[in-house]
C-alpha atoms as a PDB file:
ATOM      1  CA  UNK A   1     -35.405  36.623 -15.501  1.00  0.00           C
ATOM      2  CA  UNK A   2     -35.706  37.621 -11.884  1.00  0.00           C
ATOM      3  CA  UNK A   3     -32.739  38.509  -9.715  1.00  0.00           C
ATOM      4  CA  UNK A   4     -32.791  35.236  -7.730  1.00  0.00           C
ATOM      5  CA  UNK A   5     -32.844  33.115 -10.858  1.00  0.00           C
ATOM      6  CA  UNK A   6     -29.833  34.995 -12.238  1.00  0.00           C
ATOM      7  CA  UNK A   7     -27.950  34.533  -8.976  1.00  0.00           C
ATOM      8  CA  UNK A   8     -28.718  30.802  -8.968  1.00  0.00           C
ATOM      9  CA  UNK A   9     -27.717  30.456 -12.610  1.00  0.00           C
ATOM     10  CA  UNK A  10     -24.420  32.240 -11.922  1.00  0.00           C
ATOM     11  CA  UNK A  11     -23.715  29.990  -8.931  1.00  0.00           C
ATOM     12  CA  UNK A  12     -24.488  26.801 -10.875  1.00  0.00           C
ATOM     13  CA  UNK A  13     -22.387  27.923 -13.845  1.00  0.00           C
ATOM     14  CA  UNK A  14     -19.458  28.536 -11.492  1.00  0.00           C
ATOM     15  CA  UNK A  15     -19.977  25.077 -10.011  1.00  0.00           C
ATOM     16  CA  UNK A  16     -20.044  23.497 -13.463  1.00  0.00           C
ATOM     17  CA  UNK A  17     -16.887  25.340 -14.560  1.00  0.00           C
ATOM     18  CA  UNK A  18     -15.118  24.360 -11.336  1.00  0.00           C
ATOM     19  CA  UNK A  19     -16.013  20.688 -11.828  1.00  0.00           C
ATOM     20  CA  UNK A  20     -14.893  20.668 -15.464  1.00  0.00           C
ATOM     21  CA  UNK A  21     -11.542  22.305 -14.702  1.00  0.00           C
ATOM     22  CA  UNK A  22     -10.932  20.174 -11.621  1.00  0.00           C
ATOM     23  CA  UNK A  23     -11.754  16.949 -13.484  1.00  0.00           C
ATOM     24  CA  UNK A  24      -9.541  17.781 -16.443  1.00  0.00           C
ATOM     25  CA  UNK A  25      -6.635  18.569 -14.124  1.00  0.00           C
ATOM     26  CA  UNK A  26      -7.150  15.380 -12.119  1.00  0.00           C
ATOM     27  CA  UNK A  27      -7.506  13.127 -15.123  1.00  0.00           C
ATOM     28  CA  UNK A  28      -4.308  14.546 -16.633  1.00  0.00           C
ATOM     29  CA  UNK A  29      -2.486  14.290 -13.290  1.00  0.00           C
ATOM     30  CA  UNK A  30      -3.628  10.696 -12.902  1.00  0.00           C
ATOM     31  CA  UNK A  31      -2.360   9.807 -16.385  1.00  0.00           C
ATOM     32  CA  UNK A  32       1.008  11.389 -15.583  1.00  0.00           C
ATOM     33  CA  UNK A  33       1.141   9.432 -12.306  1.00  0.00           C
ATOM     34  CA  UNK A  34       0.234   6.244 -14.196  1.00  0.00           C
ATOM     35  CA  UNK A  35       3.228   6.589 -16.493  1.00  0.00           C
ATOM     36  CA  UNK A  36       5.417   7.765 -13.595  1.00  0.00           C
ATOM     37  CA  UNK A  37       4.586   4.504 -11.813  1.00  0.00           C
ATOM     38  CA  UNK A  38       5.971   2.483 -14.716  1.00  0.00           C
ATOM     39  CA  UNK A  39       8.979   4.787 -15.003  1.00  0.00           C
ATOM     40  CA  UNK A  40       9.956   4.779 -11.321  1.00  0.00           C
ATOM     41  CA  UNK A  41       9.479   1.039 -10.975  1.00  0.00           C
ATOM     42  CA  UNK A  42      11.549   0.433 -14.099  1.00  0.00           C
ATOM     43  CA  UNK A  43      14.358   2.826 -13.231  1.00  0.00           C
ATOM     44  CA  UNK A  44      14.498   2.666  -9.412  1.00  0.00           C
ATOM     45  CA  UNK A  45      13.631  -1.006  -8.808  1.00  0.00           C
ATOM     46  CA  UNK A  46      14.738  -2.747 -11.992  1.00  0.00           C
ATOM     47  CA  UNK A  47      17.661  -0.430 -12.864  1.00  0.00           C
ATOM     48  CA  UNK A  48      16.476   0.225 -16.412  1.00  0.00           C
ATOM     49  CA  UNK A  49      16.946   3.362 -18.450  1.00  0.00           C
ATOM     50  CA  UNK A  50      13.727   5.003 -19.520  1.00  0.00           C
ATOM     51  CA  UNK A  51      11.618   7.947 -20.499  1.00  0.00           C
ATOM     52  CA  UNK A  52       7.984   8.983 -20.276  1.00  0.00           C
ATOM     53  CA  UNK A  53       6.210  10.123 -23.426  1.00  0.00           C
ATOM     54  CA  UNK A  54       2.930  11.876 -22.651  1.00  0.00           C
ATOM     55  CA  UNK A  55       1.960  12.493 -26.269  1.00  0.00           C
ATOM     56  CA  UNK A  56       3.060  10.675 -29.385  1.00  0.00           C
ATOM     57  CA  UNK A  57       0.964  11.096 -32.557  1.00  0.00           C
ATOM     58  CA  UNK A  58       1.997   7.649 -33.841  1.00  0.00           C
ATOM     59  CA  UNK A  59       1.126   5.843 -30.593  1.00  0.00           C
ATOM     60  CA  UNK A  60      -1.937   8.045 -29.961  1.00  0.00           C
ATOM     61  CA  UNK A  61      -1.443   8.026 -26.230  1.00  0.00           C
ATOM     62  CA  UNK A  62       1.008   8.225 -23.389  1.00  0.00           C
ATOM     63  CA  UNK A  63       3.536   5.479 -22.712  1.00  0.00           C
ATOM     64  CA  UNK A  64       6.746   4.755 -20.859  1.00  0.00           C
ATOM     65  CA  UNK A  65       9.776   3.528 -22.732  1.00  0.00           C
ATOM     66  CA  UNK A  66      12.200   1.341 -20.750  1.00  0.00           C
ATOM     67  CA  UNK A  67      15.492  -0.198 -21.875  1.00  0.00           C
ATOM     68  CA  UNK A  68      16.501  -2.997 -19.499  1.00  0.00           C
ATOM     69  CA  UNK A  69      19.501  -5.345 -19.522  1.00  0.00           C
ATOM     70  CA  UNK A  70      17.212  -8.290 -18.735  1.00  0.00           C
ATOM     71  CA  UNK A  71      13.555  -8.932 -19.489  1.00  0.00           C
ATOM     72  CA  UNK A  72      11.549  -7.492 -16.550  1.00  0.00           C
ATOM     73  CA  UNK A  73       8.585  -9.249 -14.954  1.00  0.00           C
ATOM     74  CA  UNK A  74       5.745  -7.759 -16.997  1.00  0.00           C
ATOM     75  CA  UNK A  75       3.090  -8.469 -14.343  1.00  0.00           C
ATOM     76  CA  UNK A  76       4.684  -6.230 -11.701  1.00  0.00           C
ATOM     77  CA  UNK A  77       5.810  -3.712 -14.315  1.00  0.00           C
ATOM     78  CA  UNK A  78       2.234  -3.317 -15.564  1.00  0.00           C
ATOM     79  CA  UNK A  79       0.731  -3.144 -12.072  1.00  0.00           C
ATOM     80  CA  UNK A  80       3.358  -0.669 -10.857  1.00  0.00           C
ATOM     81  CA  UNK A  81       1.296   2.185 -12.270  1.00  0.00           C
ATOM     82  CA  UNK A  82      -1.752   1.304 -10.185  1.00  0.00           C
ATOM     83  CA  UNK A  83       0.345   0.723  -7.078  1.00  0.00           C
ATOM     84  CA  UNK A  84       2.060   4.092  -7.614  1.00  0.00           C
ATOM     85  CA  UNK A  85      -1.272   5.954  -7.825  1.00  0.00           C
ATOM     86  CA  UNK A  86      -2.980   4.445  -4.790  1.00  0.00           C
ATOM     87  CA  UNK A  87      -1.051   6.579  -2.214  1.00  0.00           C
ATOM     88  CA  UNK A  88      -2.002   9.696  -4.198  1.00  0.00           C
ATOM     89  CA  UNK A  89      -5.676   8.694  -4.130  1.00  0.00           C
ATOM     90  CA  UNK A  90      -5.483   7.934  -0.403  1.00  0.00           C
ATOM     91  CA  UNK A  91      -4.536  11.562   0.338  1.00  0.00           C
ATOM     92  CA  UNK A  92      -8.025  12.797  -0.532  1.00  0.00           C
ATOM     93  CA  UNK A  93      -9.977  11.240   2.366  1.00  0.00           C
ATOM     94  CA  UNK A  94      -7.673  13.258   4.652  1.00  0.00           C
ATOM     95  CA  UNK A  95      -9.222  16.495   3.331  1.00  0.00           C
ATOM     96  CA  UNK A  96     -12.065  16.537   5.835  1.00  0.00           C
ATOM     97  CA  UNK A  97     -14.303  19.557   5.449  1.00  0.00           C
ATOM     98  CA  UNK A  98     -13.498  19.941   1.749  1.00  0.00           C
ATOM     99  CA  UNK A  99     -15.548  18.662  -1.196  1.00  0.00           C
ATOM    100  CA  UNK A 100     -12.306  17.481  -2.764  1.00  0.00           C
ATOM    101  CA  UNK A 101     -12.115  14.622  -0.251  1.00  0.00           C
ATOM    102  CA  UNK A 102     -14.548  12.805  -2.560  1.00  0.00           C
ATOM    103  CA  UNK A 103     -11.981  12.879  -5.358  1.00  0.00           C
ATOM    104  CA  UNK A 104     -10.510   9.710  -3.835  1.00  0.00           C
ATOM    105  CA  UNK A 105     -12.994   7.649  -5.852  1.00  0.00           C
ATOM    106  CA  UNK A 106     -12.531   9.811  -8.945  1.00  0.00           C
ATOM    107  CA  UNK A 107      -8.750   9.340  -8.907  1.00  0.00           C
ATOM    108  CA  UNK A 108      -9.081   5.639  -8.075  1.00  0.00           C
ATOM    109  CA  UNK A 109     -11.565   5.167 -10.938  1.00  0.00           C
ATOM    110  CA  UNK A 110      -9.265   6.868 -13.450  1.00  0.00           C
ATOM    111  CA  UNK A 111      -6.334   4.863 -12.067  1.00  0.00           C
ATOM    112  CA  UNK A 112      -8.217   1.604 -12.611  1.00  0.00           C
ATOM    113  CA  UNK A 113      -9.360   2.623 -16.106  1.00  0.00           C
ATOM    114  CA  UNK A 114      -5.851   3.713 -17.110  1.00  0.00           C
ATOM    115  CA  UNK A 115      -4.589   0.293 -16.083  1.00  0.00           C
ATOM    116  CA  UNK A 116      -6.935  -1.362 -18.599  1.00  0.00           C
ATOM    117  CA  UNK A 117      -4.361  -1.543 -21.389  1.00  0.00           C
ATOM    118  CA  UNK A 118      -1.774  -2.848 -18.944  1.00  0.00           C
ATOM    119  CA  UNK A 119      -4.219  -5.603 -17.939  1.00  0.00           C
ATOM    120  CA  UNK A 120      -4.524  -6.542 -21.608  1.00  0.00           C
ATOM    121  CA  UNK A 121      -0.738  -6.966 -21.673  1.00  0.00           C
ATOM    122  CA  UNK A 122      -0.890  -9.263 -18.635  1.00  0.00           C
ATOM    123  CA  UNK A 123      -3.939 -11.318 -19.602  1.00  0.00           C
ATOM    124  CA  UNK A 124      -3.421 -11.234 -23.354  1.00  0.00           C
ATOM    125  CA  UNK A 125      -7.162 -10.805 -23.997  1.00  0.00           C
ATOM    126  CA  UNK A 126      -9.571  -7.934 -24.427  1.00  0.00           C
ATOM    127  CA  UNK A 127     -11.921  -9.285 -21.733  1.00  0.00           C
ATOM    128  CA  UNK A 128      -9.676  -8.135 -18.885  1.00  0.00           C
ATOM    129  CA  UNK A 129      -9.434  -4.695 -20.454  1.00  0.00           C
ATOM    130  CA  UNK A 130     -13.212  -4.328 -20.751  1.00  0.00           C
ATOM    131  CA  UNK A 131     -13.813  -5.547 -17.206  1.00  0.00           C
ATOM    132  CA  UNK A 132     -11.157  -3.145 -15.893  1.00  0.00           C
ATOM    133  CA  UNK A 133     -12.665  -0.224 -17.819  1.00  0.00           C
ATOM    134  CA  UNK A 134     -16.140  -1.107 -16.518  1.00  0.00           C
ATOM    135  CA  UNK A 135     -14.999  -1.375 -12.884  1.00  0.00           C
ATOM    136  CA  UNK A 136     -12.977   1.830 -13.179  1.00  0.00           C
ATOM    137  CA  UNK A 137     -15.921   3.658 -14.749  1.00  0.00           C
ATOM    138  CA  UNK A 138     -18.242   2.541 -11.934  1.00  0.00           C
ATOM    139  CA  UNK A 139     -15.770   3.769  -9.289  1.00  0.00           C
ATOM    140  CA  UNK A 140     -15.286   7.024 -11.227  1.00  0.00           C
ATOM    141  CA  UNK A 141     -19.047   7.628 -11.519  1.00  0.00           C
ATOM    142  CA  UNK A 142     -19.536   6.915  -7.801  1.00  0.00           C
ATOM    143  CA  UNK A 143     -16.819   9.461  -7.032  1.00  0.00           C
ATOM    144  CA  UNK A 144     -18.271  12.075  -9.356  1.00  0.00           C
ATOM    145  CA  UNK A 145     -21.699  11.550  -7.813  1.00  0.00           C
ATOM    146  CA  UNK A 146     -20.258  12.052  -4.313  1.00  0.00           C
ATOM    147  CA  UNK A 147     -18.415  15.223  -5.363  1.00  0.00           C
ATOM    148  CA  UNK A 148     -21.404  16.750  -7.147  1.00  0.00           C
ATOM    149  CA  UNK A 149     -23.865  15.764  -4.409  1.00  0.00           C
ATOM    150  CA  UNK A 150     -21.727  17.362  -1.695  1.00  0.00           C
ATOM    151  CA  UNK A 151     -21.092  20.488  -3.769  1.00  0.00           C
ATOM    152  CA  UNK A 152     -24.780  20.944  -4.621  1.00  0.00           C
ATOM    153  CA  UNK A 153     -25.645  20.727  -0.928  1.00  0.00           C
ATOM    154  CA  UNK A 154     -23.086  23.434  -0.137  1.00  0.00           C
ATOM    155  CA  UNK A 155     -24.174  25.605  -3.075  1.00  0.00           C
ATOM    156  CA  UNK A 156     -27.832  25.309  -2.061  1.00  0.00           C
ATOM    157  CA  UNK A 157     -26.867  26.576   1.395  1.00  0.00           C
ATOM    158  CA  UNK A 158     -25.018  29.474  -0.238  1.00  0.00           C
ATOM    159  CA  UNK A 159     -28.028  30.321  -2.411  1.00  0.00           C
ATOM    160  CA  UNK A 160     -30.294  30.291   0.673  1.00  0.00           C
ATOM    161  CA  UNK A 161     -27.877  32.707   2.380  1.00  0.00           C
ATOM    162  CA  UNK A 162     -28.021  35.018  -0.636  1.00  0.00           C
ATOM    163  CA  UNK A 163     -31.832  34.878  -0.722  1.00  0.00           C
ATOM    164  CA  UNK A 164     -32.197  35.501   3.008  1.00  0.00           C
ATOM    165  CA  UNK A 165     -29.698  38.370   2.862  1.00  0.00           C
ATOM    166  CA  UNK A 166     -31.689  39.840  -0.016  1.00  0.00           C
ATOM    167  CA  UNK A 167     -34.967  39.531   1.893  1.00  0.00           C
ATOM    168  CA  UNK A 168     -33.518  41.228   4.986  1.00  0.00           C
ATOM    169  CA  UNK A 169     -31.953  43.971   2.904  1.00  0.00           C
ATOM    170  CA  UNK A 170     -28.340  42.949   3.591  1.00  0.00           C
ATOM    171  CA  UNK A 171     -25.730  43.151   0.860  1.00  0.00           C
ATOM    172  CA  UNK A 172     -24.821  39.965  -1.000  1.00  0.00           C
ATOM    173  CA  UNK A 173     -21.790  38.284   0.549  1.00  0.00           C
END
């Protein structure tokens, strides 16, 4: 393999690793925010006692446990997670000049998908859950495409700089 091909491979592997790590962190953070939305709405607005469980082998997923004196309005309780995550997602467009600004759609997509089981609780059918997952997945994919497209453009510029520095005899930056 020639030197330029190895440099390009190294750059693309770093990009791939960065995207994997960043996505894992954001998906986990979004799930925590989802449950935090239920928790804060239940405790701060409704006055319930509660806890967040991020992993339970019997439930096979995260959930928020609330003990309320009266039966809360399930519609607003279920949607509180989505409403709680929207301000977090809206921070990303403010990151002008950074690839991470495109994570707005990624976070919003995960937020919508994570609300799918809450929608099932509101609607009482699986149809709402599947539609919510589909819409969330489309938003997520659009966000991922934007992130990757912007990063590839920046990495291609970096690779051109490396190649031109190599041709002129300058050291790699």
